[in-house]
PDB file of N, CA and C in Angstrom:
ATOM      1  N   MET A   1     129.007  92.928 104.181  1.00  0.00           N
ATOM      2  CA  MET A   1     128.072  93.642 103.434  1.00  0.00           C
ATOM      3  C   MET A   1     127.406  92.808 102.610  1.00  0.00           C
ATOM      4  N   ALA A   2     126.406  93.912 102.924  1.00  0.00           N
ATOM      5  CA  ALA A   2     125.007  93.351 102.474  1.00  0.00           C
ATOM      6  C   ALA A   2     124.453  93.618 101.140  1.00  0.00           C
ATOM      7  N   ILE A   3     123.909  92.725  99.734  1.00  0.00           N
ATOM      8  CA  ILE A   3     123.628  93.295  99.214  1.00  0.00           C
ATOM      9  C   ILE A   3     121.692  93.317  98.773  1.00  0.00           C
ATOM     10  N   LEU A   4     121.441  93.945  98.624  1.00  0.00           N
ATOM     11  CA  LEU A   4     120.158  94.211  98.840  1.00  0.00           C
ATOM     12  C   LEU A   4     119.300  94.484  97.858  1.00  0.00           C
ATOM     13  N   LYS A   5     118.172  93.995  97.588  1.00  0.00           N
ATOM     14  CA  LYS A   5     117.355  93.429  95.856  1.00  0.00           C
ATOM     15  C   LYS A   5     116.483  95.047  96.151  1.00  0.00           C
ATOM     16  N   VAL A   6     116.040  96.371  95.893  1.00  0.00           N
ATOM     17  CA  VAL A   6     116.058  97.282  95.950  1.00  0.00           C
ATOM     18  C   VAL A   6     114.774  97.574  95.184  1.00  0.00           C
ATOM     19  N   LYS A   7     113.249  97.344  95.080  1.00  0.00           N
ATOM     20  CA  LYS A   7     112.105  97.841  94.001  1.00  0.00           C
ATOM     21  C   LYS A   7     112.099  99.047  94.381  1.00  0.00           C
ATOM     22  N   THR A   8     112.425  99.554  93.415  1.00  0.00           N
ATOM     23  CA  THR A   8     112.280 101.389  93.050  1.00  0.00           C
ATOM     24  C   THR A   8     110.706 102.064  92.494  1.00  0.00           C
ATOM     25  N   LEU A   9     110.219 102.935  93.016  1.00  0.00           N
ATOM     26  CA  LEU A   9     108.810 103.275  93.211  1.00  0.00           C
ATOM     27  C   LEU A   9     108.730 103.478  91.340  1.00  0.00           C
ATOM     28  N   ASP A  10     109.736 103.342  90.454  1.00  0.00           N
ATOM     29  CA  ASP A  10     109.198 103.358  88.965  1.00  0.00           C
ATOM     30  C   ASP A  10     109.162 101.896  88.928  1.00  0.00           C
ATOM     31  N   GLY A  11     108.891 101.535  89.977  1.00  0.00           N
ATOM     32  CA  GLY A  11     109.280  99.742  89.196  1.00  0.00           C
ATOM     33  C   GLY A  11     110.510  98.599  88.552  1.00  0.00           C
ATOM     34  N   LYS A  12     111.563  99.108  89.007  1.00  0.00           N
ATOM     35  CA  LYS A  12     112.953  98.559  88.614  1.00  0.00           C
ATOM     36  C   LYS A  12     113.911  98.045  89.456  1.00  0.00           C
ATOM     37  N   THR A  13     114.169  97.178  89.594  1.00  0.00           N
ATOM     38  CA  THR A  13     115.243  96.218  91.005  1.00  0.00           C
ATOM     39  C   THR A  13     116.342  96.521  90.457  1.00  0.00           C
ATOM     40  N   ARG A  14     116.888  97.354  91.685  1.00  0.00           N
ATOM     41  CA  ARG A  14     118.495  97.920  91.730  1.00  0.00           C
ATOM     42  C   ARG A  14     119.264  96.433  93.188  1.00  0.00           C
ATOM     43  N   ASP A  15     120.316  96.764  92.610  1.00  0.00           N
ATOM     44  CA  ASP A  15     121.339  95.995  93.346  1.00  0.00           C
ATOM     45  C   ASP A  15     122.077  96.914  94.874  1.00  0.00           C
ATOM     46  N   ILE A  16     121.747  97.574  95.768  1.00  0.00           N
ATOM     47  CA  ILE A  16     122.445  98.344  96.812  1.00  0.00           C
ATOM     48  C   ILE A  16     123.089  97.943  98.028  1.00  0.00           C
ATOM     49  N   GLU A  17     124.607  98.595  97.952  1.00  0.00           N
ATOM     50  CA  GLU A  17     125.368  97.766  98.614  1.00  0.00           C
ATOM     51  C   GLU A  17     125.168  98.408 100.045  1.00  0.00           C
ATOM     52  N   ALA A  18     124.940  97.561 101.101  1.00  0.00           N
ATOM     53  CA  ALA A  18     125.020  98.110 102.589  1.00  0.00           C
ATOM     54  C   ALA A  18     125.675  97.043 103.779  1.00  0.00           C
ATOM     55  N   VAL A  19     127.042  98.771 104.583  1.00  0.00           N
ATOM     56  CA  VAL A  19     128.006  97.971 105.244  1.00  0.00           C
ATOM     57  C   VAL A  19     127.093  97.198 106.023  1.00  0.00           C
ATOM     58  N   ASP A  20     127.697  95.993 107.035  1.00  0.00           N
ATOM     59  CA  ASP A  20     126.541  95.906 108.377  1.00  0.00           C
ATOM     60  C   ASP A  20     126.824  96.212 108.834  1.00  0.00           C
ATOM     61  N   GLY A  21     126.003  96.761 109.719  1.00  0.00           N
ATOM     62  CA  GLY A  21     126.209  97.878 110.956  1.00  0.00           C
ATOM     63  C   GLY A  21     125.364  99.197 110.772  1.00  0.00           C
ATOM     64  N   ALA A  22     125.530  99.128 109.261  1.00  0.00           N
ATOM     65  CA  ALA A  22     124.769 100.880 109.561  1.00  0.00           C
ATOM     66  C   ALA A  22     124.235 100.620 108.901  1.00  0.00           C
ATOM     67  N   LEU A  23     122.603 102.077 108.882  1.00  0.00           N
ATOM     68  CA  LEU A  23     121.469 102.081 109.313  1.00  0.00           C
ATOM     69  C   LEU A  23     121.070 101.759 107.792  1.00  0.00           C
ATOM     70  N   LEU A  24     119.725 100.991 107.196  1.00  0.00           N
ATOM     71  CA  LEU A  24     119.366 101.113 105.753  1.00  0.00           C
ATOM     72  C   LEU A  24     119.279 101.912 105.565  1.00  0.00           C
ATOM     73  N   MET A  25     118.444 103.374 106.136  1.00  0.00           N
ATOM     74  CA  MET A  25     118.150 104.825 105.323  1.00  0.00           C
ATOM     75  C   MET A  25     119.887 105.297 105.107  1.00  0.00           C
ATOM     76  N   GLU A  26     120.757 105.254 105.624  1.00  0.00           N
ATOM     77  CA  GLU A  26     122.040 105.287 104.793  1.00  0.00           C
ATOM     78  C   GLU A  26     122.303 105.038 103.534  1.00  0.00           C
ATOM     79  N   ALA A  27     122.056 103.943 102.641  1.00  0.00           N
ATOM     80  CA  ALA A  27     122.700 103.289 101.975  1.00  0.00           C
ATOM     81  C   ALA A  27     121.257 103.291 100.915  1.00  0.00           C
ATOM     82  N   LEU A  28     120.311 103.801 101.516  1.00  0.00           N
ATOM     83  CA  LEU A  28     119.140 103.749 100.448  1.00  0.00           C
ATOM     84  C   LEU A  28     119.257 105.732  99.830  1.00  0.00           C
ATOM     85  N   ASN A  29     119.797 106.201 101.276  1.00  0.00           N
ATOM     86  CA  ASN A  29     119.661 107.859 100.957  1.00  0.00           C
ATOM     87  C   ASN A  29     120.999 108.154 100.188  1.00  0.00           C
ATOM     88  N   ALA A  30     121.984 107.413  99.944  1.00  0.00           N
ATOM     89  CA  ALA A  30     123.167 107.733  99.224  1.00  0.00           C
ATOM     90  C   ALA A  30     122.853 107.334  97.891  1.00  0.00           C
ATOM     91  N   ALA A  31     122.078 105.580  97.422  1.00  0.00           N
ATOM     92  CA  ALA A  31     121.731 105.451  96.159  1.00  0.00           C
ATOM     93  C   ALA A  31     120.417 106.091  95.679  1.00  0.00           C
ATOM     94  N   MET A  32     119.878 107.519  96.224  1.00  0.00           N
ATOM     95  CA  MET A  32     119.286 108.589  95.833  1.00  0.00           C
ATOM     96  C   MET A  32     118.053 108.001  95.624  1.00  0.00           C
ATOM     97  N   LEU A  33     117.205 106.856  96.894  1.00  0.00           N
ATOM     98  CA  LEU A  33     116.042 106.003  96.531  1.00  0.00           C
ATOM     99  C   LEU A  33     115.206 106.805  97.471  1.00  0.00           C
ATOM    100  N   VAL A  34     115.499 107.580  98.746  1.00  0.00           N
ATOM    101  CA  VAL A  34     114.168 107.488  99.764  1.00  0.00           C
ATOM    102  C   VAL A  34     115.190 109.062 100.335  1.00  0.00           C
ATOM    103  N   ASP A  35     114.307 110.140 100.915  1.00  0.00           N
ATOM    104  CA  ASP A  35     115.081 111.335 100.734  1.00  0.00           C
ATOM    105  C   ASP A  35     115.785 111.185 102.637  1.00  0.00           C
ATOM    106  N   ALA A  36     114.661 110.120 103.769  1.00  0.00           N
ATOM    107  CA  ALA A  36     115.087 110.372 104.969  1.00  0.00           C
ATOM    108  C   ALA A  36     115.121 112.112 105.587  1.00  0.00           C
ATOM    109  N   THR A  37     114.344 112.591 105.575  1.00  0.00           N
ATOM    110  CA  THR A  37     114.170 114.219 105.442  1.00  0.00           C
ATOM    111  C   THR A  37     114.767 114.611 106.759  1.00  0.00           C
ATOM    112  N   CYS A  38     113.925 113.506 108.290  1.00  0.00           N
ATOM    113  CA  CYS A  38     114.101 113.656 109.402  1.00  0.00           C
ATOM    114  C   CYS A  38     116.014 113.417 109.858  1.00  0.00           C
ATOM    115  N   GLY A  39     116.258 112.692 108.899  1.00  0.00           N
ATOM    116  CA  GLY A  39     117.706 112.263 109.072  1.00  0.00           C
ATOM    117  C   GLY A  39     117.669 111.858 110.056  1.00  0.00           C
ATOM    118  N   GLY A  40     116.379 110.391 110.277  1.00  0.00           N
ATOM    119  CA  GLY A  40     117.076 109.049 111.236  1.00  0.00           C
ATOM    120  C   GLY A  40     115.976 109.534 112.658  1.00  0.00           C
ATOM    121  N   ALA A  41     115.466 110.419 112.864  1.00  0.00           N
ATOM    122  CA  ALA A  41     114.875 110.787 113.953  1.00  0.00           C
ATOM    123  C   ALA A  41     113.238 110.251 113.751  1.00  0.00           C
ATOM    124  N   ALA A  42     112.626 109.048 112.979  1.00  0.00           N
ATOM    125  CA  ALA A  42     112.009 108.157 112.649  1.00  0.00           C
ATOM    126  C   ALA A  42     110.033 109.120 113.021  1.00  0.00           C
ATOM    127  N   SER A  43     110.667 110.038 112.402  1.00  0.00           N
ATOM    128  CA  SER A  43     109.737 111.688 112.839  1.00  0.00           C
ATOM    129  C   SER A  43     109.090 112.192 111.358  1.00  0.00           C
ATOM    130  N   CYS A  44     109.240 111.413 110.077  1.00  0.00           N
ATOM    131  CA  CYS A  44     108.632 111.975 109.137  1.00  0.00           C
ATOM    132  C   CYS A  44     108.090 110.474 107.712  1.00  0.00           C
ATOM    133  N   GLY A  45     108.709 109.152 107.907  1.00  0.00           N
ATOM    134  CA  GLY A  45     108.354 108.316 107.074  1.00  0.00           C
ATOM    135  C   GLY A  45     108.367 108.250 105.797  1.00  0.00           C
ATOM    136  N   THR A  46     109.928 109.346 105.468  1.00  0.00           N
ATOM    137  CA  THR A  46     109.698 109.572 104.091  1.00  0.00           C
ATOM    138  C   THR A  46     110.758 108.119 103.404  1.00  0.00           C
ATOM    139  N   CYS A  47     111.805 107.419 104.649  1.00  0.00           N
ATOM    140  CA  CYS A  47     112.465 106.236 104.137  1.00  0.00           C
ATOM    141  C   CYS A  47     111.558 104.979 104.625  1.00  0.00           C
ATOM    142  N   HIS A  48     110.551 104.631 104.681  1.00  0.00           N
ATOM    143  CA  HIS A  48     109.462 103.464 104.806  1.00  0.00           C
ATOM    144  C   HIS A  48     109.675 102.990 103.469  1.00  0.00           C
ATOM    145  N   VAL A  49     110.134 101.814 104.118  1.00  0.00           N
ATOM    146  CA  VAL A  49     110.444 100.423 103.287  1.00  0.00           C
ATOM    147  C   VAL A  49     109.479  99.323 103.751  1.00  0.00           C
ATOM    148  N   TYR A  50     109.121  98.573 102.802  1.00  0.00           N
ATOM    149  CA  TYR A  50     108.397  97.298 102.578  1.00  0.00           C
ATOM    150  C   TYR A  50     109.465  96.163 102.143  1.00  0.00           C
ATOM    151  N   PHE A  51     109.479  95.388 103.656  1.00  0.00           N
ATOM    152  CA  PHE A  51     110.446  94.157 103.577  1.00  0.00           C
ATOM    153  C   PHE A  51     109.289  92.828 102.820  1.00  0.00           C
ATOM    154  N   GLU A  52     109.802  92.283 101.607  1.00  0.00           N
ATOM    155  CA  GLU A  52     109.023  91.325 101.220  1.00  0.00           C
ATOM    156  C   GLU A  52     108.990  89.912 101.474  1.00  0.00           C
ATOM    157  N   ASP A  53     109.779  89.386 102.699  1.00  0.00           N
ATOM    158  CA  ASP A  53     109.952  88.889 103.659  1.00  0.00           C
ATOM    159  C   ASP A  53     109.728  89.544 105.243  1.00  0.00           C
ATOM    160  N   ALA A  54     108.231  89.609 106.032  1.00  0.00           N
ATOM    161  CA  ALA A  54     108.628  90.439 106.691  1.00  0.00           C
ATOM    162  C   ALA A  54     109.304  89.740 107.937  1.00  0.00           C
ATOM    163  N   SER A  55     110.042  88.465 107.873  1.00  0.00           N
ATOM    164  CA  SER A  55     110.112  87.755 108.966  1.00  0.00           C
ATOM    165  C   SER A  55     112.211  88.640 108.749  1.00  0.00           C
ATOM    166  N   LEU A  56     112.440  89.432 108.276  1.00  0.00           N
ATOM    167  CA  LEU A  56     113.586  89.890 107.857  1.00  0.00           C
ATOM    168  C   LEU A  56     113.903  91.724 108.451  1.00  0.00           C
ATOM    169  N   ALA A  57     112.494  91.778 108.658  1.00  0.00           N
ATOM    170  CA  ALA A  57     111.555  93.266 108.446  1.00  0.00           C
ATOM    171  C   ALA A  57     112.705  93.018 110.530  1.00  0.00           C
ATOM    172  N   GLY A  58     112.334  92.287 111.452  1.00  0.00           N
ATOM    173  CA  GLY A  58     112.247  92.743 112.792  1.00  0.00           C
ATOM    174  C   GLY A  58     110.803  93.755 113.190  1.00  0.00           C
ATOM    175  N   GLU A  59     111.768  93.905 114.597  1.00  0.00           N
ATOM    176  CA  GLU A  59     110.831  94.164 115.617  1.00  0.00           C
ATOM    177  C   GLU A  59     110.922  95.453 115.213  1.00  0.00           C
ATOM    178  N   GLN A  60     109.870  96.170 114.836  1.00  0.00           N
ATOM    179  CA  GLN A  60     109.604  98.306 114.780  1.00  0.00           C
ATOM    180  C   GLN A  60     109.859  98.346 116.724  1.00  0.00           C
ATOM    181  N   THR A  61     110.495  99.773 116.770  1.00  0.00           N
ATOM    182  CA  THR A  61     110.466 100.585 117.815  1.00  0.00           C
ATOM    183  C   THR A  61     109.796 101.370 118.346  1.00  0.00           C
ATOM    184  N   GLU A  62     109.688 101.609 119.303  1.00  0.00           N
ATOM    185  CA  GLU A  62     108.095 102.308 119.753  1.00  0.00           C
ATOM    186  C   GLU A  62     107.750 103.386 118.831  1.00  0.00           C
ATOM    187  N   ASP A  63     108.363 104.100 118.981  1.00  0.00           N
ATOM    188  CA  ASP A  63     108.370 105.914 117.848  1.00  0.00           C
ATOM    189  C   ASP A  63     107.875 105.305 116.766  1.00  0.00           C
ATOM    190  N   GLU A  64     108.593 104.435 116.325  1.00  0.00           N
ATOM    191  CA  GLU A  64     108.407 103.990 114.819  1.00  0.00           C
ATOM    192  C   GLU A  64     107.156 103.562 114.554  1.00  0.00           C
ATOM    193  N   GLY A  65     106.295 102.658 115.444  1.00  0.00           N
ATOM    194  CA  GLY A  65     104.993 101.798 115.283  1.00  0.00           C
ATOM    195  C   GLY A  65     104.292 102.729 115.522  1.00  0.00           C
ATOM    196  N   TYR A  66     104.410 104.415 116.581  1.00  0.00           N
ATOM    197  CA  TYR A  66     103.524 105.315 116.443  1.00  0.00           C
ATOM    198  C   TYR A  66     104.148 106.355 114.939  1.00  0.00           C
ATOM    199  N   MET A  67     104.842 106.752 114.153  1.00  0.00           N
ATOM    200  CA  MET A  67     104.661 107.225 112.887  1.00  0.00           C
ATOM    201  C   MET A  67     104.411 106.704 111.562  1.00  0.00           C
ATOM    202  N   LEU A  68     104.501 104.553 111.978  1.00  0.00           N
ATOM    203  CA  LEU A  68     103.773 103.847 111.198  1.00  0.00           C
ATOM    204  C   LEU A  68     102.196 103.889 111.095  1.00  0.00           C
ATOM    205  N   GLU A  69     102.262 104.239 112.112  1.00  0.00           N
ATOM    206  CA  GLU A  69     100.250 104.198 112.396  1.00  0.00           C
ATOM    207  C   GLU A  69      99.899 105.406 111.720  1.00  0.00           C
ATOM    208  N   SER A  70     100.383 106.493 111.799  1.00  0.00           N
ATOM    209  CA  SER A  70     100.107 107.325 111.215  1.00  0.00           C
ATOM    210  C   SER A  70     100.266 107.650 110.187  1.00  0.00           C
ATOM    211  N   LEU A  71     101.086 107.198 109.187  1.00  0.00           N
ATOM    212  CA  LEU A  71     101.095 106.825 108.265  1.00  0.00           C
ATOM    213  C   LEU A  71     100.320 106.388 107.157  1.00  0.00           C
ATOM    214  N   GLY A  72      99.123 105.043 108.216  1.00  0.00           N
ATOM    215  CA  GLY A  72      98.155 104.214 107.730  1.00  0.00           C
ATOM    216  C   GLY A  72      97.011 105.473 106.746  1.00  0.00           C
ATOM    217  N   ASP A  73      96.951 106.303 107.348  1.00  0.00           N
ATOM    218  CA  ASP A  73      96.056 107.071 106.678  1.00  0.00           C
ATOM    219  C   ASP A  73      96.179 107.081 105.666  1.00  0.00           C
ATOM    220  N   PHE A  74      97.313 107.608 104.718  1.00  0.00           N
ATOM    221  CA  PHE A  74      98.190 107.473 103.054  1.00  0.00           C
ATOM    222  C   PHE A  74      98.344 106.988 102.605  1.00  0.00           C
ATOM    223  N   VAL A  75      99.070 106.292 103.335  1.00  0.00           N
ATOM    224  CA  VAL A  75      99.763 104.797 102.106  1.00  0.00           C
ATOM    225  C   VAL A  75      99.040 103.359 103.331  1.00  0.00           C
ATOM    226  N   GLU A  76      99.707 102.187 102.556  1.00  0.00           N
ATOM    227  CA  GLU A  76      99.507 101.113 102.725  1.00  0.00           C
ATOM    228  C   GLU A  76     100.444 100.571 103.750  1.00  0.00           C
ATOM    229  N   ILE A  77      99.805 100.048 105.146  1.00  0.00           N
ATOM    230  CA  ILE A  77     101.248  99.408 105.798  1.00  0.00           C
ATOM    231  C   ILE A  77     100.717  97.958 106.070  1.00  0.00           C
ATOM    232  N   ARG A  78     101.825  97.164 105.709  1.00  0.00           N
ATOM    233  CA  ARG A  78     102.110  95.975 105.812  1.00  0.00           C
ATOM    234  C   ARG A  78     102.691  95.180 106.981  1.00  0.00           C
ATOM    235  N   ASP A  79     102.846  94.397 106.998  1.00  0.00           N
ATOM    236  CA  ASP A  79     103.127  93.093 108.068  1.00  0.00           C
ATOM    237  C   ASP A  79     104.907  93.522 107.777  1.00  0.00           C
ATOM    238  N   GLY A  80     105.448  93.627 106.510  1.00  0.00           N
ATOM    239  CA  GLY A  80     107.043  93.924 106.349  1.00  0.00           C
ATOM    240  C   GLY A  80     107.171  95.052 106.412  1.00  0.00           C
ATOM    241  N   SER A  81     106.007  96.258 106.442  1.00  0.00           N
ATOM    242  CA  SER A  81     107.206  98.191 106.917  1.00  0.00           C
ATOM    243  C   SER A  81     107.863  98.517 107.906  1.00  0.00           C
ATOM    244  N   ARG A  82     108.346  99.078 108.064  1.00  0.00           N
ATOM    245  CA  ARG A  82     109.816  99.531 108.306  1.00  0.00           C
ATOM    246  C   ARG A  82     110.017 100.966 107.927  1.00  0.00           C
ATOM    247  N   LEU A  83     110.744 101.688 109.095  1.00  0.00           N
ATOM    248  CA  LEU A  83     111.399 102.637 108.360  1.00  0.00           C
ATOM    249  C   LEU A  83     112.978 102.521 108.469  1.00  0.00           C
ATOM    250  N   SER A  84     113.906 102.392 107.432  1.00  0.00           N
ATOM    251  CA  SER A  84     114.761 102.565 107.237  1.00  0.00           C
ATOM    252  C   SER A  84     115.834 103.240 108.017  1.00  0.00           C
ATOM    253  N   CYS A  85     115.037 104.078 108.582  1.00  0.00           N
ATOM    254  CA  CYS A  85     116.309 104.477 109.566  1.00  0.00           C
ATOM    255  C   CYS A  85     116.142 104.113 111.147  1.00  0.00           C
ATOM    256  N   GLN A  86     115.300 102.686 111.409  1.00  0.00           N
ATOM    257  CA  GLN A  86     115.308 102.089 111.947  1.00  0.00           C
ATOM    258  C   GLN A  86     116.231 101.060 112.642  1.00  0.00           C
ATOM    259  N   MET A  87     116.715 100.550 111.055  1.00  0.00           N
ATOM    260  CA  MET A  87     117.273  99.737 111.435  1.00  0.00           C
ATOM    261  C   MET A  87     118.607  99.366 110.569  1.00  0.00           C
ATOM    262  N   LYS A  88     118.938  98.313 111.317  1.00  0.00           N
ATOM    263  CA  LYS A  88     120.965  97.558 110.849  1.00  0.00           C
ATOM    264  C   LYS A  88     120.334  97.154 110.182  1.00  0.00           C
ATOM    265  N   ILE A  89     121.957  97.082 108.932  1.00  0.00           N
ATOM    266  CA  ILE A  89     121.939  95.898 108.575  1.00  0.00           C
ATOM    267  C   ILE A  89     122.759  94.564 108.999  1.00  0.00           C
ATOM    268  N   GLU A  90     122.324  93.672 109.102  1.00  0.00           N
ATOM    269  CA  GLU A  90     123.023  92.543 109.688  1.00  0.00           C
ATOM    270  C   GLU A  90     123.152  91.723 108.077  1.00  0.00           C
ATOM    271  N   GLY A  91     124.311  90.324 108.658  1.00  0.00           N
ATOM    272  CA  GLY A  91     123.874  89.677 107.442  1.00  0.00           C
ATOM    273  C   GLY A  91     123.205  88.967 106.808  1.00  0.00           C
ATOM    274  N   LYS A  92     122.368  88.406 108.145  1.00  0.00           N
ATOM    275  CA  LYS A  92     121.119  88.572 107.497  1.00  0.00           C
ATOM    276  C   LYS A  92     120.276  88.885 105.988  1.00  0.00           C
ATOM    277  N   HIS A  93     120.440  90.416 105.850  1.00  0.00           N
ATOM    278  CA  HIS A  93     119.874  91.006 105.130  1.00  0.00           C
ATOM    279  C   HIS A  93     120.428  90.833 103.702  1.00  0.00           C
ATOM    280  N   ASP A  94     121.955  90.229 103.376  1.00  0.00           N
ATOM    281  CA  ASP A  94     121.783  89.951 102.127  1.00  0.00           C
ATOM    282  C   ASP A  94     120.789  89.239 100.999  1.00  0.00           C
ATOM    283  N   GLY A  95     120.838  89.578 100.369  1.00  0.00           N
ATOM    284  CA  GLY A  95     120.212  89.434  99.266  1.00  0.00           C
ATOM    285  C   GLY A  95     118.619  89.841  99.300  1.00  0.00           C
ATOM    286  N   CYS A  96     118.120  89.929 100.113  1.00  0.00           N
ATOM    287  CA  CYS A  96     116.932  90.430 100.513  1.00  0.00           C
ATOM    288  C   CYS A  96     115.896  91.111 100.001  1.00  0.00           C
ATOM    289  N   ALA A  97     114.794  90.910  99.374  1.00  0.00           N
ATOM    290  CA  ALA A  97     113.946  91.639  98.618  1.00  0.00           C
ATOM    291  C   ALA A  97     113.096  92.618  99.679  1.00  0.00           C
ATOM    292  N   ILE A  98     113.714  94.165  99.286  1.00  0.00           N
ATOM    293  CA  ILE A  98     112.825  95.495  99.946  1.00  0.00           C
ATOM    294  C   ILE A  98     112.164  96.530  98.839  1.00  0.00           C
ATOM    295  N   GLU A  99     111.056  96.444  99.032  1.00  0.00           N
ATOM    296  CA  GLU A  99     110.289  97.631  98.176  1.00  0.00           C
ATOM    297  C   GLU A  99     110.260  99.139  98.718  1.00  0.00           C
ATOM    298  N   ILE A 100     110.756 100.469  98.342  1.00  0.00           N
ATOM    299  CA  ILE A 100     110.091 101.486  98.615  1.00  0.00           C
ATOM    300  C   ILE A 100     108.434 101.910  98.588  1.00  0.00           C
ATOM    301  N   ALA A 101     108.348 102.682  99.831  1.00  0.00           N
ATOM    302  CA  ALA A 101     106.854 102.785  99.714  1.00  0.00           C
ATOM    303  C   ALA A 101     106.809 103.896  99.423  1.00  0.00           C
ATOM    304  N   PRO A 102     105.428 104.092  99.265  1.00  0.00           N
ATOM    305  CA  PRO A 102     105.038 105.903  98.573  1.00  0.00           C
ATOM    306  C   PRO A 102     105.161 106.648  99.234  1.00  0.00           C
ATOM    307  N   GLU A 103     105.651 108.189  98.909  1.00  0.00           N
ATOM    308  CA  GLU A 103     105.409 108.885 100.511  1.00  0.00           C
ATOM    309  C   GLU A 103     103.934 109.216 100.655  1.00  0.00           C
ATOM    310  N   ALA A 104     103.961 109.733 102.261  1.00  0.00           N
ATOM    311  CA  ALA A 104     102.225 110.003 102.236  1.00  0.00           C
ATOM    312  C   ALA A 104     102.248 111.314 102.053  1.00  0.00           C
TER     313      ALA A 104
END
């Protein structure tokens, strides 16, 4: 179990619990912080997040990279940008700071 420090779109920080091995999107969607419109297919960008520590974000999948590239015309893409539907929670994520990105 990881506790994530999530900065919401209104600038507040919430602690969100996430189960190891689960998709980050699932925890954020359950907390009603992301829409996850495509259900995890990396095709909508509504679960885009920023990791404060980019080293905890891990590698983007190829499809995710294409989606983030297309979002770049509308929202800021950072080194720590990820689609939460493509990330599994690991122990290293306990206590990490994540910010919800604005929707395109």
